[in-house]
Each structure stands twice: as C-alpha cells, then as structure tokens.
Amino acid sequence: MSQSKELVKAEEPPKWDSIEEMVEYFNENINAAMISLTRIMWEVGRAGHELCNEAKYGDGAIPKLAEGIKKGTSWVYECIHMYEAYTWDDVKHKFLDKGIPASTIVRIGAIKDEGTRNYVEDKLLSGEITYEDISKAKKEYTSVVNNPEVSHSEIGNGEEPTIAERNASGQLPDDDPDNIAAAIIRSHFGKLKRMAEEQMSLMEDTLVAHDKLGDISDESLYELSQDRIVSAGVVLKKQIMYIENIVDTIKKLAPQEFEES
C-alpha cells in the first residue's frame, strides 16, 4: 500500500491576529489588483487607439487584438474609449483613489458627449450615484439640456456646458451680463474646437485622397478633379492667415499652453 504524499504549498496562507488585520490585508490586495487590472485595460486602450490610427496595421486589427488576448471586440473598444477620455493620472487620481473600479471607469469613458460625461462623472465622484445609476444620470442630463424652459444663457445656444460652467452660471441671474458673455464664449469656442477637431481628422486622409488624382486617365475628369483640389487649397491658404491671427490672440491668455515640446 503506497504512502499518501503530503501536499506542498508554494506559499503559506496569511495569518491574522484580528479582524481588523484581515480587513486591512484584503483591502490592500484588492486595491493593488484593481490598479493593475485598470492599468492593463488603459494600456489595451492605448494599443487599440494606435491600431485604429495607424494604417500599417491593416484592416481587422482590433478583432485580431481581441482574439489574441481572448477578449471581446466590444471590451477592447471600451478600453479605447477610456484611454481617449482620460490620461492615466486622471484614471488613478480621479477614480482609483476613490475606490471606483475599472468597470465603472470604462463605462464613464464610453460616454462620447463631454457635457454628459462631466455631468455623470460629477455625480459618481460625489457618491450621488453608483455604476447601476449611470444610464439614469445620462438620461437626466439629456432631459435638462433639451428642456425648452432652460434659459439660452444657461445652455449656450446648444453647446453643452460642463458641470463647473453650469454651477458657476447658476450663481448669477440668466440675464446677467457675465452669464450672457460666458454663454456666447462657450457656444462659439465650443463649436470652433469641435469643427477644428473634425477638420484635423479630415486632413489626415487629404494626401491619400490627393494621390488618387494620378489614377484618373480621362483628361476632362482629371482637370475637373484638379480644380476641386486647388480650390480647396486656396481656401486653406486663406484659413492659415485667420488661424494664425486667432492663435496669436488666444496665446496671450495662457502662453505656457502653446509652448512647443
């Protein structure tokens, strides 16, 4: 009859002298694991963002990444949204330091509209809502913005304010000159920033589209296509002058933000 072998444990389990020690041990380790998991998800988002923006990786890069790490494609996109919405310092100090888990952070990051995200984020960080209340808070914010009774000066002509802007404007009457001026700035410069971001995205493909001119063999169609390209270039040249003048004026408000790295 063979002797039974004693199981050899690689590591002895921890021992505690009190429940308080036990709680402290588990809290420290749960927190460390949460930070590690969240960091990995943020890094997956960074990698996925690069895959989406670098042509060298080819089509179907995100599904390939998801398959390789044995995760769903939607999970990878959630990580990408988190990376695009928050820096790692934001993630760590704004959320993790308050014990908010990765699952909640990616769900907040997936909210595309900045005004809505700020609103939900503010309620989450204040402890007013939890993960389960995020959808409700998003609908609540939408109903406030779309409410016809909300004043023009408060919503900034459709350009949604951040929580800080909404709180500040709420301290003054709707027809206060400060409120009206701030609403005009929010509306104009919010729209200008969004349009500039959309234009930069369009410009990323400009040279690729320009090179298609060489694929046209028909002389008439070639000339017409060339005219369209040139007319866009003329407008862009004029725009450069406008942009330089505007940037020079804005730069005076915060020179450090415009320092070249």
Protein backbone atom coordinates (compact mmCIF):
# COMPACT_ATOMS: atom_id res chain seq x y z
CA MET A 1 0.00 0.00 0.00
CA SER A 2 1.55 3.29 -1.12
CA GLN A 3 2.01 6.13 1.29
CA SER A 4 -0.03 9.27 0.64
CA LYS A 5 2.11 12.27 -0.23
CA GLU A 6 1.74 15.46 1.72
CA LEU A 7 0.69 18.41 -0.41
CA VAL A 8 3.42 21.01 -0.69
CA LYS A 9 2.11 24.56 -0.73
CA ALA A 10 4.13 27.14 -2.60
CA GLU A 11 3.18 29.82 -0.14
CA GLU A 12 1.79 29.72 3.35
CA PRO A 13 -1.59 31.44 3.72
CA PRO A 14 -1.56 34.67 5.70
CA LYS A 15 -2.42 34.65 9.38
CA TRP A 16 -4.14 37.41 11.28
CA ASP A 17 -4.47 38.30 14.94
CA SER A 18 -7.66 40.31 14.45
CA ILE A 19 -10.48 41.02 12.02
CA GLU A 20 -9.01 44.49 11.55
CA GLU A 21 -5.74 42.97 10.27
CA MET A 22 -7.71 40.68 8.00
CA VAL A 23 -9.72 43.59 6.55
CA GLU A 24 -6.57 45.66 6.03
CA TYR A 25 -4.83 42.77 4.24
CA PHE A 26 -7.70 42.17 1.82
CA ASN A 27 -8.32 45.86 1.16
CA GLU A 28 -4.66 46.43 0.27
CA ASN A 29 -4.54 43.46 -2.06
CA ILE A 30 -7.90 44.14 -3.69
CA ASN A 31 -6.81 47.73 -4.30
CA ALA A 32 -3.48 46.62 -5.80
CA ALA A 33 -5.25 44.12 -8.08
CA MET A 34 -7.77 46.78 -9.17
CA ILE A 35 -4.99 49.21 -10.06
CA SER A 36 -3.14 46.52 -12.03
CA LEU A 37 -6.27 45.47 -13.94
CA THR A 38 -7.22 49.07 -14.72
CA ARG A 39 -3.70 49.87 -15.91
CA ILE A 40 -3.79 46.86 -18.26
CA MET A 41 -7.17 47.97 -19.63
CA TRP A 42 -5.87 51.51 -20.15
CA GLU A 43 -2.82 50.11 -21.97
CA VAL A 44 -5.10 47.95 -24.13
CA GLY A 45 -6.99 51.16 -24.95
CA ARG A 46 -3.74 52.90 -25.89
CA ALA A 47 -2.74 49.99 -28.13
CA GLY A 48 -6.20 49.84 -29.68
CA HIS A 49 -6.16 53.59 -30.33
CA GLU A 50 -2.86 53.15 -32.17
CA LEU A 51 -4.26 50.25 -34.18
CA CYS A 52 -7.20 52.41 -35.26
CA ASN A 53 -4.99 55.29 -36.35
CA GLU A 54 -2.02 53.55 -37.97
CA ALA A 55 -2.64 52.24 -41.47
CA LYS A 56 0.36 49.88 -41.20
CA TYR A 57 -1.64 47.50 -39.00
CA GLY A 58 -4.20 46.90 -41.76
CA ASP A 59 -7.91 46.10 -41.59
CA GLY A 60 -9.38 43.99 -38.85
CA ALA A 61 -6.65 44.92 -36.37
CA ILE A 62 -8.99 45.38 -33.40
CA PRO A 63 -10.68 41.95 -33.80
CA LYS A 64 -7.22 40.38 -34.10
CA LEU A 65 -6.12 42.05 -30.88
CA ALA A 66 -9.32 40.99 -29.11
CA GLU A 67 -8.93 37.40 -30.27
CA GLY A 68 -5.27 37.34 -29.28
CA ILE A 69 -5.96 38.43 -25.69
CA LYS A 70 -9.13 36.32 -25.54
CA LYS A 71 -11.47 39.24 -25.02
CA GLY A 72 -14.49 40.51 -26.93
CA THR A 73 -14.12 43.25 -29.53
CA SER A 74 -16.57 45.42 -27.61
CA TRP A 75 -14.38 45.10 -24.49
CA VAL A 76 -11.36 46.36 -26.45
CA TYR A 77 -13.38 49.33 -27.73
CA GLU A 78 -14.44 50.14 -24.18
CA CYS A 79 -10.76 50.26 -23.22
CA ILE A 80 -10.07 52.53 -26.21
CA HIS A 81 -12.82 54.92 -25.10
CA MET A 82 -11.35 55.02 -21.59
CA TYR A 83 -7.88 55.80 -22.97
CA GLU A 84 -9.25 58.53 -25.24
CA ALA A 85 -11.30 60.10 -22.43
CA TYR A 86 -8.72 60.03 -19.62
CA THR A 87 -4.97 60.16 -19.04
CA TRP A 88 -3.56 57.55 -16.68
CA ASP A 89 -3.13 60.24 -14.00
CA ASP A 90 -6.85 61.04 -14.38
CA VAL A 91 -7.75 57.38 -14.03
CA LYS A 92 -5.56 56.86 -10.97
CA HIS A 93 -6.14 60.04 -9.01
CA LYS A 94 -9.69 60.88 -10.05
CA PHE A 95 -11.20 57.38 -9.89
CA LEU A 96 -8.97 54.68 -8.40
CA ASP A 97 -8.02 56.77 -5.38
CA LYS A 98 -11.74 56.94 -4.60
CA GLY A 99 -12.16 53.18 -4.99
CA ILE A 100 -14.05 53.36 -8.30
CA PRO A 101 -13.39 50.12 -10.25
CA ALA A 102 -12.29 49.66 -13.85
CA SER A 103 -15.74 48.51 -14.99
CA THR A 104 -17.21 51.85 -13.95
CA ILE A 105 -14.36 53.90 -15.41
CA VAL A 106 -14.70 52.31 -18.86
CA ARG A 107 -18.44 52.87 -18.80
CA ILE A 108 -17.95 56.55 -17.99
CA GLY A 109 -15.24 56.84 -20.64
CA ALA A 110 -17.60 55.39 -23.26
CA ILE A 111 -19.87 58.45 -22.95
CA LYS A 112 -18.93 60.39 -26.09
CA ASP A 113 -20.52 63.72 -25.27
CA GLU A 114 -18.22 65.68 -22.96
CA GLY A 115 -21.03 67.58 -21.25
CA THR A 116 -22.90 64.37 -20.43
CA ARG A 117 -19.72 62.63 -19.29
CA ASN A 118 -18.82 65.52 -16.98
CA TYR A 119 -22.32 65.50 -15.51
CA VAL A 120 -22.32 61.75 -14.83
CA GLU A 121 -18.71 61.82 -13.61
CA ASP A 122 -19.51 64.59 -11.12
CA LYS A 123 -22.40 62.62 -9.65
CA LEU A 124 -20.29 59.46 -9.48
CA LEU A 125 -17.33 61.12 -7.75
CA SER A 126 -19.60 62.83 -5.25
CA GLY A 127 -21.11 59.47 -4.32
CA GLU A 128 -24.55 60.52 -5.50
CA ILE A 129 -24.76 57.61 -7.97
CA THR A 130 -23.15 54.20 -8.49
CA TYR A 131 -22.44 52.05 -11.56
CA GLU A 132 -26.08 50.99 -11.78
CA ASP A 133 -27.28 54.62 -11.97
CA ILE A 134 -25.11 55.75 -14.90
CA SER A 135 -27.77 55.23 -17.59
CA LYS A 136 -30.34 57.08 -15.49
CA ALA A 137 -27.93 60.00 -14.97
CA LYS A 138 -27.23 60.21 -18.72
CA LYS A 139 -30.96 60.45 -19.46
CA GLU A 140 -31.36 63.01 -16.69
CA TYR A 141 -28.70 65.25 -18.23
CA THR A 142 -30.22 64.92 -21.71
CA SER A 143 -33.62 65.93 -20.38
CA VAL A 144 -32.10 69.03 -18.73
CA VAL A 145 -30.31 70.12 -21.90
CA ASN A 146 -33.35 69.53 -24.11
CA ASN A 147 -35.74 71.23 -21.70
CA PRO A 148 -37.22 74.27 -23.52
CA GLU A 149 -37.62 76.04 -20.17
CA VAL A 150 -33.85 76.11 -19.61
CA SER A 151 -32.58 79.57 -20.44
CA HIS A 152 -30.48 80.40 -23.50
CA SER A 153 -27.71 81.81 -21.35
CA GLU A 154 -27.53 78.56 -19.39
CA ILE A 155 -27.17 76.15 -22.29
CA GLY A 156 -25.06 78.38 -24.52
CA ASN A 157 -27.04 78.12 -27.77
CA GLY A 158 -26.96 74.33 -27.76
CA GLU A 159 -23.30 73.98 -26.76
CA GLU A 160 -23.50 71.85 -23.61
CA PRO A 161 -21.75 73.28 -20.52
CA THR A 162 -19.51 71.36 -18.17
CA ILE A 163 -20.60 70.84 -14.59
CA ALA A 164 -18.27 73.63 -13.43
CA GLU A 165 -19.74 76.05 -16.02
CA ARG A 166 -23.30 75.10 -15.08
CA ASN A 167 -22.58 75.61 -11.37
CA ALA A 168 -20.89 78.97 -11.98
CA SER A 169 -23.65 80.28 -14.23
CA GLY A 170 -26.25 79.14 -11.72
CA GLN A 171 -24.90 81.62 -9.18
CA LEU A 172 -25.98 84.56 -11.39
CA PRO A 173 -29.30 85.65 -12.94
CA ASP A 174 -29.93 84.42 -16.51
CA ASP A 175 -29.79 87.96 -17.90
CA ASP A 176 -26.63 88.93 -16.04
CA PRO A 177 -24.02 90.33 -18.50
CA ASP A 178 -21.40 87.89 -17.18
CA ASN A 179 -23.70 84.94 -17.83
CA ILE A 180 -24.57 86.12 -21.34
CA ALA A 181 -20.92 86.73 -22.25
CA ALA A 182 -19.86 83.33 -20.88
CA ALA A 183 -22.65 81.63 -22.86
CA ILE A 184 -21.51 83.29 -26.08
CA ILE A 185 -17.90 82.20 -25.44
CA ARG A 186 -18.99 78.66 -24.59
CA SER A 187 -21.15 78.41 -27.68
CA HIS A 188 -18.67 79.93 -30.15
CA PHE A 189 -15.43 78.39 -28.93
CA GLY A 190 -17.00 75.02 -28.16
CA LYS A 191 -18.25 74.89 -31.74
CA LEU A 192 -14.90 76.17 -33.08
CA LYS A 193 -12.96 73.48 -31.20
CA ARG A 194 -15.29 70.73 -32.41
CA MET A 195 -15.05 71.92 -36.02
CA ALA A 196 -11.24 72.14 -35.78
CA GLU A 197 -11.05 68.59 -34.45
CA GLU A 198 -13.30 67.34 -37.26
CA GLN A 199 -11.17 69.22 -39.81
CA MET A 200 -7.95 67.71 -38.47
CA SER A 201 -9.50 64.27 -38.75
CA LEU A 202 -10.45 65.02 -42.37
CA MET A 203 -6.98 66.34 -43.15
CA GLU A 204 -5.37 63.08 -42.04
CA ASP A 205 -6.69 61.49 -45.25
CA THR A 206 -6.09 64.51 -47.51
CA LEU A 207 -2.82 63.39 -49.07
CA VAL A 208 -4.19 59.90 -49.63
CA ALA A 209 -7.16 61.40 -51.48
CA HIS A 210 -4.86 63.78 -53.38
CA ASP A 211 -2.81 60.85 -54.68
CA LYS A 212 -5.94 59.41 -56.30
CA LEU A 213 -5.58 62.15 -58.93
CA GLY A 214 -2.91 60.01 -60.56
CA ASP A 215 -5.45 57.20 -61.03
CA ILE A 216 -7.62 59.29 -63.38
CA SER A 217 -6.84 58.77 -67.06
CA ASP A 218 -9.73 60.75 -68.55
CA GLU A 219 -8.35 64.24 -69.34
CA SER A 220 -11.55 66.17 -68.66
CA LEU A 221 -12.25 64.42 -65.38
CA TYR A 222 -8.61 64.88 -64.37
CA GLU A 223 -8.80 68.65 -64.90
CA LEU A 224 -12.10 68.94 -63.05
CA SER A 225 -10.74 66.93 -60.13
CA GLN A 226 -7.58 69.01 -60.10
CA ASP A 227 -9.65 72.22 -60.00
CA ARG A 228 -11.55 70.89 -56.98
CA ILE A 229 -8.31 70.13 -55.14
CA VAL A 230 -6.79 73.53 -55.99
CA SER A 231 -9.93 75.43 -54.91
CA ALA A 232 -9.79 73.68 -51.52
CA GLY A 233 -6.09 74.57 -51.26
CA VAL A 234 -6.78 78.25 -51.93
CA VAL A 235 -9.35 78.36 -49.12
CA LEU A 236 -6.93 76.54 -46.79
CA LYS A 237 -4.25 79.12 -47.53
CA LYS A 238 -6.64 81.91 -46.53
CA GLN A 239 -7.58 79.95 -43.46
CA ILE A 240 -3.95 79.77 -42.34
CA MET A 241 -3.90 83.56 -42.03
CA TYR A 242 -7.10 83.57 -39.98
CA ILE A 243 -5.86 80.77 -37.75
CA GLU A 244 -2.51 82.41 -37.10
CA ASN A 245 -4.19 85.68 -36.10
CA ILE A 246 -6.65 83.92 -33.79
CA VAL A 247 -4.00 81.73 -32.17
CA ASP A 248 -1.72 84.73 -31.58
CA THR A 249 -4.58 86.48 -29.77
CA ILE A 250 -5.58 83.43 -27.71
CA LYS A 251 -1.95 82.59 -26.87
CA LYS A 252 -1.74 85.75 -24.73
CA LEU A 253 -4.23 84.22 -22.27
CA ALA A 254 -2.02 81.21 -21.44
CA PRO A 255 1.39 81.30 -23.19
CA GLN A 256 2.53 78.13 -21.38
CA GLU A 257 -0.15 76.07 -23.15
CA PHE A 258 1.37 76.92 -26.53
CA GLU A 259 4.99 76.10 -25.74
CA GLU A 260 6.47 73.69 -28.26
CA SER A 261 7.73 70.43 -26.83
